[in-house]
Structure formats: structure tokens, C-alpha cells
C-alpha atoms as a PDB file:
ATOM      1  CA  MET A   1     -13.427 -19.090 -51.464  1.00  0.00           C
ATOM      2  CA  ARG A   2      -9.956 -19.731 -52.846  1.00  0.00           C
ATOM      3  CA  VAL A   3      -8.310 -17.040 -54.938  1.00  0.00           C
ATOM      4  CA  SER A   4      -5.872 -18.954 -57.114  1.00  0.00           C
ATOM      5  CA  VAL A   5      -2.448 -17.739 -58.235  1.00  0.00           C
ATOM      6  CA  THR A   6      -2.705 -19.659 -61.483  1.00  0.00           C
ATOM      7  CA  PHE A   7      -4.950 -19.483 -64.529  1.00  0.00           C
ATOM      8  CA  GLU A   8      -5.817 -23.159 -64.421  1.00  0.00           C
ATOM      9  CA  GLN A   9      -9.544 -23.860 -64.779  1.00  0.00           C
ATOM     10  CA  THR A  10     -10.698 -27.017 -63.050  1.00  0.00           C
ATOM     11  CA  GLY A  11     -13.809 -28.959 -64.017  1.00  0.00           C
ATOM     12  CA  GLU A  12     -15.245 -28.291 -60.562  1.00  0.00           C
ATOM     13  CA  SER A  13     -15.062 -24.518 -60.959  1.00  0.00           C
ATOM     14  CA  PRO A  14     -17.391 -22.997 -63.564  1.00  0.00           C
ATOM     15  CA  ALA A  15     -15.884 -20.238 -65.663  1.00  0.00           C
ATOM     16  CA  ALA A  16     -16.744 -16.787 -64.351  1.00  0.00           C
ATOM     17  CA  THR A  17     -18.635 -14.381 -66.588  1.00  0.00           C
ATOM     18  CA  GLY A  18     -19.016 -10.636 -66.867  1.00  0.00           C
ATOM     19  CA  PRO A  19     -16.304  -8.028 -66.371  1.00  0.00           C
ATOM     20  CA  VAL A  20     -13.608  -8.515 -63.751  1.00  0.00           C
ATOM     21  CA  THR A  21     -13.496  -5.759 -61.135  1.00  0.00           C
ATOM     22  CA  VAL A  22      -9.949  -4.521 -60.622  1.00  0.00           C
ATOM     23  CA  GLY A  23      -9.589  -2.136 -57.712  1.00  0.00           C
ATOM     24  CA  TRP A  24      -7.010   0.609 -57.345  1.00  0.00           C
ATOM     25  CA  PHE A  25      -6.028   2.777 -54.400  1.00  0.00           C
ATOM     26  CA  LEU A  26      -3.162   4.921 -53.185  1.00  0.00           C
ATOM     27  CA  ALA A  27      -1.035   3.247 -50.533  1.00  0.00           C
ATOM     28  CA  ASP A  28       0.074   6.690 -49.339  1.00  0.00           C
ATOM     29  CA  GLN A  29      -2.559   9.435 -49.288  1.00  0.00           C
ATOM     30  CA  LYS A  30      -0.081  12.250 -48.563  1.00  0.00           C
ATOM     31  CA  GLY A  31      -0.277  14.611 -51.538  1.00  0.00           C
ATOM     32  CA  GLY A  32      -2.583  12.100 -53.198  1.00  0.00           C
ATOM     33  CA  VAL A  33      -4.412  14.796 -55.160  1.00  0.00           C
ATOM     34  CA  ILE A  34      -1.509  14.971 -57.652  1.00  0.00           C
ATOM     35  CA  TYR A  35      -2.028  11.336 -58.695  1.00  0.00           C
ATOM     36  CA  ASP A  36      -4.645  11.052 -61.421  1.00  0.00           C
ATOM     37  CA  PRO A  37      -6.886   7.966 -61.566  1.00  0.00           C
ATOM     38  CA  PRO A  38      -5.782   5.274 -64.039  1.00  0.00           C
ATOM     39  CA  GLU A  39      -7.400   5.840 -67.438  1.00  0.00           C
ATOM     40  CA  ARG A  40      -8.550   3.291 -69.963  1.00  0.00           C
ATOM     41  CA  VAL A  41      -6.493   3.696 -73.148  1.00  0.00           C
ATOM     42  CA  ARG A  42      -8.766   4.989 -75.882  1.00  0.00           C
ATOM     43  CA  THR A  43      -8.201   6.446 -79.332  1.00  0.00           C
ATOM     44  CA  ALA A  44     -11.400   8.488 -79.295  1.00  0.00           C
ATOM     45  CA  GLU A  45      -9.791  11.337 -81.189  1.00  0.00           C
ATOM     46  CA  VAL A  46      -8.873   9.256 -84.227  1.00  0.00           C
ATOM     47  CA  ASN A  47     -10.929   8.698 -87.364  1.00  0.00           C
ATOM     48  CA  ARG A  48     -13.938   6.433 -86.794  1.00  0.00           C
ATOM     49  CA  ASP A  49     -16.033   7.721 -89.690  1.00  0.00           C
ATOM     50  CA  HIS A  50     -14.878   5.198 -92.273  1.00  0.00           C
ATOM     51  CA  ALA A  51     -16.144   1.637 -91.857  1.00  0.00           C
ATOM     52  CA  LYS A  52     -12.648   0.290 -92.535  1.00  0.00           C
ATOM     53  CA  SER A  53     -10.899   2.626 -90.114  1.00  0.00           C
ATOM     54  CA  ALA A  54      -8.459   0.740 -87.895  1.00  0.00           C
ATOM     55  CA  SER A  55      -9.981   2.495 -84.884  1.00  0.00           C
ATOM     56  CA  ARG A  56     -13.222   0.567 -85.507  1.00  0.00           C
ATOM     57  CA  CYS A  57     -11.470  -2.783 -85.779  1.00  0.00           C
ATOM     58  CA  PRO A  58     -12.702  -5.233 -83.082  1.00  0.00           C
ATOM     59  CA  ALA A  59      -9.161  -6.491 -82.522  1.00  0.00           C
ATOM     60  CA  VAL A  60      -7.904  -2.936 -81.898  1.00  0.00           C
ATOM     61  CA  ILE A  61     -10.815  -2.148 -79.582  1.00  0.00           C
ATOM     62  CA  ASN A  62     -10.288  -5.400 -77.660  1.00  0.00           C
ATOM     63  CA  LEU A  63      -6.577  -4.642 -77.267  1.00  0.00           C
ATOM     64  CA  GLU A  64      -7.171  -1.116 -76.004  1.00  0.00           C
ATOM     65  CA  SER A  65      -9.816  -2.315 -73.546  1.00  0.00           C
ATOM     66  CA  ARG A  66      -7.173  -4.189 -71.532  1.00  0.00           C
ATOM     67  CA  TYR A  67      -4.739  -1.284 -71.152  1.00  0.00           C
ATOM     68  CA  PHE A  68      -4.985   1.408 -68.506  1.00  0.00           C
ATOM     69  CA  MET A  69      -2.678   4.413 -68.437  1.00  0.00           C
ATOM     70  CA  VAL A  70      -0.975   6.028 -65.464  1.00  0.00           C
ATOM     71  CA  ARG A  71       0.158   9.617 -65.964  1.00  0.00           C
ATOM     72  CA  CYS A  72       3.284  11.293 -64.623  1.00  0.00           C
ATOM     73  CA  PRO A  73       2.348  13.096 -61.378  1.00  0.00           C
ATOM     74  CA  PHE A  74       4.845  15.978 -61.627  1.00  0.00           C
ATOM     75  CA  ASP A  75       7.491  17.506 -63.900  1.00  0.00           C
ATOM     76  CA  ILE A  76      10.785  15.618 -64.105  1.00  0.00           C
ATOM     77  CA  HIS A  77      13.911  16.992 -65.821  1.00  0.00           C
ATOM     78  CA  VAL A  78      17.054  15.207 -64.666  1.00  0.00           C
ATOM     79  CA  GLY A  79      20.503  14.448 -65.998  1.00  0.00           C
ATOM     80  CA  PHE A  80      23.092  11.814 -65.131  1.00  0.00           C
ATOM     81  CA  ASP A  81      26.591  12.492 -63.818  1.00  0.00           C
ATOM     82  CA  ARG A  82      29.328  11.084 -61.617  1.00  0.00           C
ATOM     83  CA  ASP A  83      31.165  12.796 -58.776  1.00  0.00           C
ATOM     84  CA  LYS A  84      34.934  13.043 -58.400  1.00  0.00           C
ATOM     85  CA  ASP A  85      34.976   9.528 -56.910  1.00  0.00           C
ATOM     86  CA  GLY A  86      33.013   8.079 -59.814  1.00  0.00           C
ATOM     87  CA  LYS A  87      29.784   7.660 -57.851  1.00  0.00           C
ATOM     88  CA  PRO A  88      26.717   8.201 -60.068  1.00  0.00           C
ATOM     89  CA  PHE A  89      24.091  10.779 -59.147  1.00  0.00           C
ATOM     90  CA  LEU A  90      21.082  12.593 -60.596  1.00  0.00           C
ATOM     91  CA  LYS A  91      21.107  16.297 -61.439  1.00  0.00           C
ATOM     92  CA  ASN A  92      17.885  18.317 -61.271  1.00  0.00           C
ATOM     93  CA  LEU A  93      18.239  20.248 -64.529  1.00  0.00           C
ATOM     94  CA  SER A  94      15.288  22.527 -63.798  1.00  0.00           C
ATOM     95  CA  GLY A  95      17.117  24.033 -60.835  1.00  0.00           C
ATOM     96  CA  SER A  96      15.236  26.837 -59.105  1.00  0.00           C
ATOM     97  CA  LYS A  97      12.571  26.730 -61.838  1.00  0.00           C
ATOM     98  CA  SER A  98      11.564  23.198 -60.892  1.00  0.00           C
ATOM     99  CA  ALA A  99       7.892  22.800 -59.961  1.00  0.00           C
ATOM    100  CA  ILE A 100       8.862  20.171 -57.379  1.00  0.00           C
ATOM    101  CA  ARG A 101      11.249  20.882 -54.514  1.00  0.00           C
ATOM    102  CA  ALA A 102      14.614  19.161 -54.850  1.00  0.00           C
ATOM    103  CA  ASN A 103      14.285  17.318 -51.546  1.00  0.00           C
ATOM    104  CA  LYS A 104      10.833  15.995 -52.498  1.00  0.00           C
ATOM    105  CA  LEU A 105      12.102  14.871 -55.904  1.00  0.00           C
ATOM    106  CA  GLY A 106      14.933  13.047 -54.144  1.00  0.00           C
ATOM    107  CA  GLU A 107      12.387  11.189 -52.000  1.00  0.00           C
ATOM    108  CA  LYS A 108      10.520   9.937 -55.061  1.00  0.00           C
ATOM    109  CA  LEU A 109      13.169   9.531 -57.773  1.00  0.00           C
ATOM    110  CA  HIS A 110      16.476   7.783 -57.221  1.00  0.00           C
ATOM    111  CA  LEU A 111      19.239   5.785 -58.869  1.00  0.00           C
ATOM    112  CA  THR A 112      19.494   2.149 -57.861  1.00  0.00           C
ATOM    113  CA  PRO A 113      22.938   1.040 -56.618  1.00  0.00           C
ATOM    114  CA  GLU A 114      25.267   0.444 -59.555  1.00  0.00           C
ATOM    115  CA  PRO A 115      25.926  -3.237 -58.707  1.00  0.00           C
ATOM    116  CA  GLU A 116      22.179  -3.854 -59.200  1.00  0.00           C
ATOM    117  CA  TRP A 117      22.026  -2.469 -62.757  1.00  0.00           C
ATOM    118  CA  ARG A 118      21.014  -5.168 -65.235  1.00  0.00           C
ATOM    119  CA  LEU A 119      23.367  -3.914 -67.951  1.00  0.00           C
ATOM    120  CA  LYS A 120      26.866  -2.586 -67.365  1.00  0.00           C
ATOM    121  CA  GLY A 121      26.973   1.156 -67.866  1.00  0.00           C
ATOM    122  CA  VAL A 122      23.173   1.425 -68.120  1.00  0.00           C
ATOM    123  CA  PRO A 123      21.791   3.110 -64.987  1.00  0.00           C
ATOM    124  CA  THR A 124      18.429   2.114 -63.570  1.00  0.00           C
ATOM    125  CA  ILE A 125      16.334   4.836 -61.990  1.00  0.00           C
ATOM    126  CA  GLN A 126      13.140   4.337 -60.023  1.00  0.00           C
ATOM    127  CA  LEU A 127      10.202   6.635 -59.402  1.00  0.00           C
ATOM    128  CA  SER A 128       8.237   5.519 -56.339  1.00  0.00           C
ATOM    129  CA  LEU A 129       4.468   5.696 -56.779  1.00  0.00           C
ATOM    130  CA  PRO A 130       1.542   4.929 -54.430  1.00  0.00           C
ATOM    131  CA  TYR A 131      -0.663   3.161 -57.021  1.00  0.00           C
ATOM    132  CA  VAL A 132      -1.823  -0.325 -55.978  1.00  0.00           C
ATOM    133  CA  PHE A 133      -4.090  -2.657 -57.985  1.00  0.00           C
ATOM    134  CA  ILE A 134      -6.086  -5.450 -56.358  1.00  0.00           C
ATOM    135  CA  ALA A 135      -8.598  -8.112 -57.470  1.00  0.00           C
ATOM    136  CA  ASP A 136     -10.671 -10.814 -55.765  1.00  0.00           C
ATOM    137  CA  GLU A 137     -10.153 -13.347 -58.572  1.00  0.00           C
ATOM    138  CA  PRO A 138      -7.156 -14.381 -60.675  1.00  0.00           C
ATOM    139  CA  VAL A 139      -5.797 -11.350 -62.514  1.00  0.00           C
ATOM    140  CA  TYR A 140      -2.254 -10.770 -63.732  1.00  0.00           C
ATOM    141  CA  ALA A 141      -1.026  -7.217 -64.283  1.00  0.00           C
ATOM    142  CA  SER A 142       1.803  -6.298 -66.658  1.00  0.00           C
ATOM    143  CA  GLN A 143       3.462  -2.902 -66.457  1.00  0.00           C
ATOM    144  CA  ILE A 144       4.722  -1.733 -69.851  1.00  0.00           C
ATOM    145  CA  SER A 145       5.736   1.302 -71.870  1.00  0.00           C
ATOM    146  CA  PRO A 146       2.931   3.616 -73.152  1.00  0.00           C
ATOM    147  CA  PHE A 147       3.544   2.457 -76.710  1.00  0.00           C
ATOM    148  CA  MET A 148       0.252   3.745 -78.135  1.00  0.00           C
ATOM    149  CA  HIS A 149       1.094   7.346 -77.254  1.00  0.00           C
ATOM    150  CA  TYR A 150       3.470   9.236 -79.512  1.00  0.00           C
ATOM    151  CA  ALA A 151       6.323  11.105 -77.824  1.00  0.00           C
ATOM    152  CA  LYS A 152       7.852  13.951 -79.843  1.00  0.00           C
ATOM    153  CA  ASP A 153      10.997  13.678 -77.739  1.00  0.00           C
ATOM    154  CA  PRO A 154      11.473   9.976 -76.928  1.00  0.00           C
ATOM    155  CA  LEU A 155      13.002   9.033 -73.606  1.00  0.00           C
ATOM    156  CA  PRO A 156      16.677   7.959 -73.775  1.00  0.00           C
ATOM    157  CA  GLY A 157      16.035   4.399 -72.623  1.00  0.00           C
ATOM    158  CA  THR A 158      13.449   1.757 -71.903  1.00  0.00           C
ATOM    159  CA  ILE A 159      10.930   1.031 -69.175  1.00  0.00           C
ATOM    160  CA  PHE A 160      11.840  -1.862 -66.886  1.00  0.00           C
ATOM    161  CA  GLY A 161       8.422  -3.498 -66.418  1.00  0.00           C
ATOM    162  CA  GLY A 162       7.069  -6.679 -64.865  1.00  0.00           C
ATOM    163  CA  ARG A 163       4.125  -9.075 -64.545  1.00  0.00           C
ATOM    164  CA  PHE A 164       2.560 -10.391 -61.317  1.00  0.00           C
ATOM    165  CA  PRO A 165      -0.800 -11.584 -59.871  1.00  0.00           C
ATOM    166  CA  ILE A 166      -2.551  -8.646 -58.225  1.00  0.00           C
ATOM    167  CA  ASN A 167      -5.068 -10.906 -56.472  1.00  0.00           C
ATOM    168  CA  VAL A 168      -2.376 -12.332 -54.180  1.00  0.00           C
ATOM    169  CA  TRP A 169       0.488  -9.833 -54.477  1.00  0.00           C
ATOM    170  CA  PRO A 170      -0.867  -6.261 -54.486  1.00  0.00           C
ATOM    171  CA  ARG A 171       1.990  -3.815 -54.069  1.00  0.00           C
ATOM    172  CA  PRO A 172       2.759  -0.166 -54.814  1.00  0.00           C
ATOM    173  CA  LEU A 173       4.026   0.259 -58.351  1.00  0.00           C
ATOM    174  CA  MET A 174       7.109   2.127 -59.340  1.00  0.00           C
ATOM    175  CA  TRP A 175       8.330   3.440 -62.657  1.00  0.00           C
ATOM    176  CA  ALA A 176      11.685   1.782 -63.342  1.00  0.00           C
ATOM    177  CA  PHE A 177      13.741   3.034 -66.278  1.00  0.00           C
ATOM    178  CA  GLU A 178      16.993   1.851 -67.856  1.00  0.00           C
ATOM    179  CA  TRP A 179      18.910   4.903 -69.053  1.00  0.00           C
ATOM    180  CA  HIS A 180      20.738   3.768 -72.199  1.00  0.00           C
ATOM    181  CA  ASP A 181      21.877   7.205 -73.419  1.00  0.00           C
ATOM    182  CA  THR A 182      22.995   9.130 -70.357  1.00  0.00           C
ATOM    183  CA  ASP A 183      24.170  12.051 -72.510  1.00  0.00           C
ATOM    184  CA  LYS A 184      20.493  12.886 -72.959  1.00  0.00           C
ATOM    185  CA  PRO A 185      18.287  14.018 -70.060  1.00  0.00           C
ATOM    186  CA  ILE A 186      15.080  12.404 -68.881  1.00  0.00           C
ATOM    187  CA  LYS A 187      12.295  14.923 -69.330  1.00  0.00           C
ATOM    188  CA  LEU A 188       8.670  14.273 -68.420  1.00  0.00           C
ATOM    189  CA  ARG A 189       5.890  16.730 -67.772  1.00  0.00           C
ATOM    190  CA  ARG A 190       3.035  16.335 -65.349  1.00  0.00           C
ATOM    191  CA  GLY A 191       0.245  14.542 -67.196  1.00  0.00           C
ATOM    192  CA  ASP A 192       2.490  12.766 -69.713  1.00  0.00           C
ATOM    193  CA  PRO A 193       1.745   9.044 -70.169  1.00  0.00           C
ATOM    194  CA  LEU A 194       4.131   7.294 -67.775  1.00  0.00           C
ATOM    195  CA  PHE A 195       3.228   3.630 -68.339  1.00  0.00           C
ATOM    196  CA  TYR A 196       0.382   1.250 -69.119  1.00  0.00           C
ATOM    197  CA  VAL A 197      -0.948  -1.564 -66.974  1.00  0.00           C
ATOM    198  CA  MET A 198      -2.382  -4.492 -68.937  1.00  0.00           C
ATOM    199  CA  PHE A 199      -4.699  -6.956 -67.185  1.00  0.00           C
ATOM    200  CA  GLU A 200      -5.055 -10.655 -68.009  1.00  0.00           C
ATOM    201  CA  THR A 201      -8.261 -12.357 -66.897  1.00  0.00           C
ATOM    202  CA  LEU A 202      -9.837 -15.794 -66.775  1.00  0.00           C
ATOM    203  CA  PRO A 203     -11.395 -16.537 -69.227  1.00  0.00           C
ATOM    204  CA  GLN A 204      -9.212 -14.337 -71.398  1.00  0.00           C
ATOM    205  CA  ASP A 205     -12.123 -12.654 -73.211  1.00  0.00           C
ATOM    206  CA  ARG A 206     -13.650 -11.122 -70.067  1.00  0.00           C
ATOM    207  CA  GLY A 207     -13.745  -7.355 -69.800  1.00  0.00           C
ATOM    208  CA  VAL A 208     -12.062  -5.313 -67.077  1.00  0.00           C
ATOM    209  CA  ALA A 209     -13.658  -2.608 -64.926  1.00  0.00           C
ATOM    210  CA  VAL A 210     -11.148  -0.567 -62.907  1.00  0.00           C
ATOM    211  CA  LYS A 211     -12.645   1.104 -59.834  1.00  0.00           C
ATOM    212  CA  GLU A 212     -11.213   2.996 -56.891  1.00  0.00           C
ATOM    213  CA  VAL A 213     -11.549   0.937 -53.710  1.00  0.00           C
ATOM    214  CA  GLU A 214     -11.442   1.517 -49.977  1.00  0.00           C
ATOM    215  CA  LEU A 215      -8.285   0.817 -48.042  1.00  0.00           C
ATOM    216  CA  THR A 216     -10.084  -1.333 -45.483  1.00  0.00           C
ATOM    217  CA  ASP A 217      -8.526  -2.775 -42.331  1.00  0.00           C
ATOM    218  CA  ASP A 218      -8.351  -6.213 -43.987  1.00  0.00           C
ATOM    219  CA  LEU A 219      -6.585  -4.753 -46.998  1.00  0.00           C
ATOM    220  CA  LYS A 220      -4.143  -2.811 -44.816  1.00  0.00           C
ATOM    221  CA  SER A 221      -3.316  -5.953 -42.855  1.00  0.00           C
ATOM    222  CA  TYR A 222      -2.784  -7.997 -45.997  1.00  0.00           C
ATOM    223  CA  MET A 223      -0.548  -5.306 -47.501  1.00  0.00           C
ATOM    224  CA  GLU A 224       1.541  -5.328 -44.326  1.00  0.00           C
ATOM    225  CA  LEU A 225       1.808  -9.116 -44.535  1.00  0.00           C
ATOM    226  CA  ILE A 226       3.567  -8.999 -47.908  1.00  0.00           C
ATOM    227  CA  SER A 227       5.246  -5.598 -47.599  1.00  0.00           C
ATOM    228  CA  GLY A 228       9.011  -5.567 -47.860  1.00  0.00           C
ATOM    229  CA  ALA A 229       9.344  -9.284 -48.609  1.00  0.00           C
ATOM    230  CA  VAL A 230      11.738  -8.445 -51.441  1.00  0.00           C
ATOM    231  CA  ASN A 231      14.234  -7.225 -48.821  1.00  0.00           C
ATOM    232  CA  TYR A 232      14.479 -10.695 -47.285  1.00  0.00           C
ATOM    233  CA  VAL A 233      14.230 -13.176 -50.159  1.00  0.00           C
ATOM    234  CA  ASN A 234      15.381 -13.103 -53.784  1.00  0.00           C
ATOM    235  CA  GLN A 235      12.412 -14.888 -55.364  1.00  0.00           C
ATOM    236  CA  THR A 236       9.203 -13.352 -53.994  1.00  0.00           C
ATOM    237  CA  PHE A 237       7.145 -15.425 -56.475  1.00  0.00           C
ATOM    238  CA  SER A 238       7.913 -18.401 -54.242  1.00  0.00           C
ATOM    239  CA  LEU A 239       5.823 -16.732 -51.521  1.00  0.00           C
ATOM    240  CA  PHE A 240       2.630 -16.459 -53.577  1.00  0.00           C
ATOM    241  CA  GLU A 241       1.047 -19.652 -52.258  1.00  0.00           C
ATOM    242  CA  ALA A 242       1.901 -18.749 -48.655  1.00  0.00           C
ATOM    243  CA  ALA A 243       0.341 -15.310 -49.127  1.00  0.00           C
ATOM    244  CA  GLU A 244      -2.712 -16.814 -50.837  1.00  0.00           C
ATOM    245  CA  ALA A 245      -3.344 -19.128 -47.890  1.00  0.00           C
ATOM    246  CA  ARG A 246      -3.560 -16.139 -45.530  1.00  0.00           C
ATOM    247  CA  ARG A 247      -5.538 -13.854 -47.817  1.00  0.00           C
ATOM    248  CA  PRO A 248      -9.073 -12.791 -46.813  1.00  0.00           C
ATOM    249  CA  ALA A 249     -11.692 -13.908 -49.318  1.00  0.00           C
ATOM    250  CA  THR A 250     -12.780 -10.349 -50.139  1.00  0.00           C
ATOM    251  CA  LEU A 251     -10.511  -7.325 -50.340  1.00  0.00           C
ATOM    252  CA  VAL A 252     -12.140  -5.297 -53.129  1.00  0.00           C
ATOM    253  CA  LYS A 253     -14.681  -2.777 -51.809  1.00  0.00           C
ATOM    254  CA  PRO A 254     -15.405  -0.113 -54.469  1.00  0.00           C
ATOM    255  CA  ILE A 255     -15.894   3.454 -53.298  1.00  0.00           C
ATOM    256  CA  GLU A 256     -19.356   4.756 -54.067  1.00  0.00           C
ATOM    257  CA  ARG A 257     -19.075   8.415 -54.995  1.00  0.00           C
ATOM    258  CA  LYS A 258     -22.074  10.724 -55.235  1.00  0.00           C
ATOM    259  CA  GLY A 259     -22.743  12.686 -58.388  1.00  0.00           C
END
């Protein structure tokens, strides 16, 4: 079985049918209970009584069916500043009232080096997360802002997302944010929508079923094979075919939970 990087459909390969199984797991189980499972984006609370309600529109329902939400795992309330030498740093504005210890927050949330910022004067911060998505057939994942959820106090910047094939390049996600207005703090509460993941399938009209999967020995080995590649080459997309050639045919093994 060959798990292709591309979405090209050859005449020799019949189009698959039925929903695509997308697996998810936590690459690091330490403190894993704070990380909620990804949730399908639904607008169940909105008006569905009227036949012409937008929430009953097939196009709206189809759109929502492809988006899964990841929630913020803990409270974040940080500000931006520079020290006497001009070096940027993050300030924990919650201080002693913070629900997360300062040293643990520092392990998860950090500023990227200033030379790596995409825009001059616009800091990039990154929140490391253990979420990994995996599929046994061609599926692209796009990480984007949770645009269907209203925020009373909008964040002072934009999410720095991306798109990649999870069937050949499963990797832990991170929340990357470009901080356009550093005079305003970044404030998120545990449970707030952090980002969406949108899945593209082949054919494009197939549904998506997201299930928690086992971190098997084969999956661990494959993750180690591609882990850290970004530290050695600039264009990791160039490694997709090499990774694909060494990928086991099956990596998705859903966890069967009782009850």
C-alpha cells in the first residue's frame, strides 16, 4: 500500500468512499489530562427551527463538518516588554494568582528569536502542544484561527497557521501567534477556542471521523524518523517523499473505549 503525498487520482486507483479516519494522540502524556479531545465545530445552539435558517444550510453544515476545534489547555495572561538591553521577553501578568506555575508556563510558551520574526516589530510567540494528527490515506490538515467563535476581547494579533499532509508528516502542533499590538496583553482562559484544524480529503466530499489512536511502536518509530528535521533543513516539504518511502502501511489504530 502506498500512502501518497499528493491528491492526484490515477486511473488505476479507484476513489475511496466513506468517511476518512483521522487519528489524534498526545505525543507527551505528562499532564495529558488537561488537554481536551479535539471537538467537531458545531453550531447546535443556534436557531434551527426555521427552514431558511442559515444553520440548516447544507453548505454551512458541510463547512462545519471539516473543522475541529482545539481548546486552550490552561489560563494565559502575558504581556510584552524589553529589558534594559532591548531584549524582548514575556511578562506573566497574573503573577502569584496565575493558575499555572511560572516555570511551567515558560516551558510551554515562549518568544521566538527576534531575527526569525516574519514582520519587523511584530513578535511571534509559540505555545507548544502535544496534539498530533495522523491518517493512513492522503489527508492535508490546515491550522487556522477559530473564526466561527466570537471573542468579546479579540486577541491583539493573528494566528500563524500552516498546511501539511498528516499521512506522511505527523508532528506535534503548536499555537503560533504574531503579536501586532504589543501594548495589549494576550489573555486566554482554559477552555477558550485556541484554533481550528481543517481536513482536506480525497475525494473532497468525503466525511471525516476523528478518533483517538494508540501510540504504537510503529508510530513511535515513524515519529522519531521525522522528528526535529526542521532543525537541519530549511524546506522540510522536500523530505515528504523520503518519509513516505519509509512509512509503515498502517499507523492508525483507534482506541476502543468501554462505555
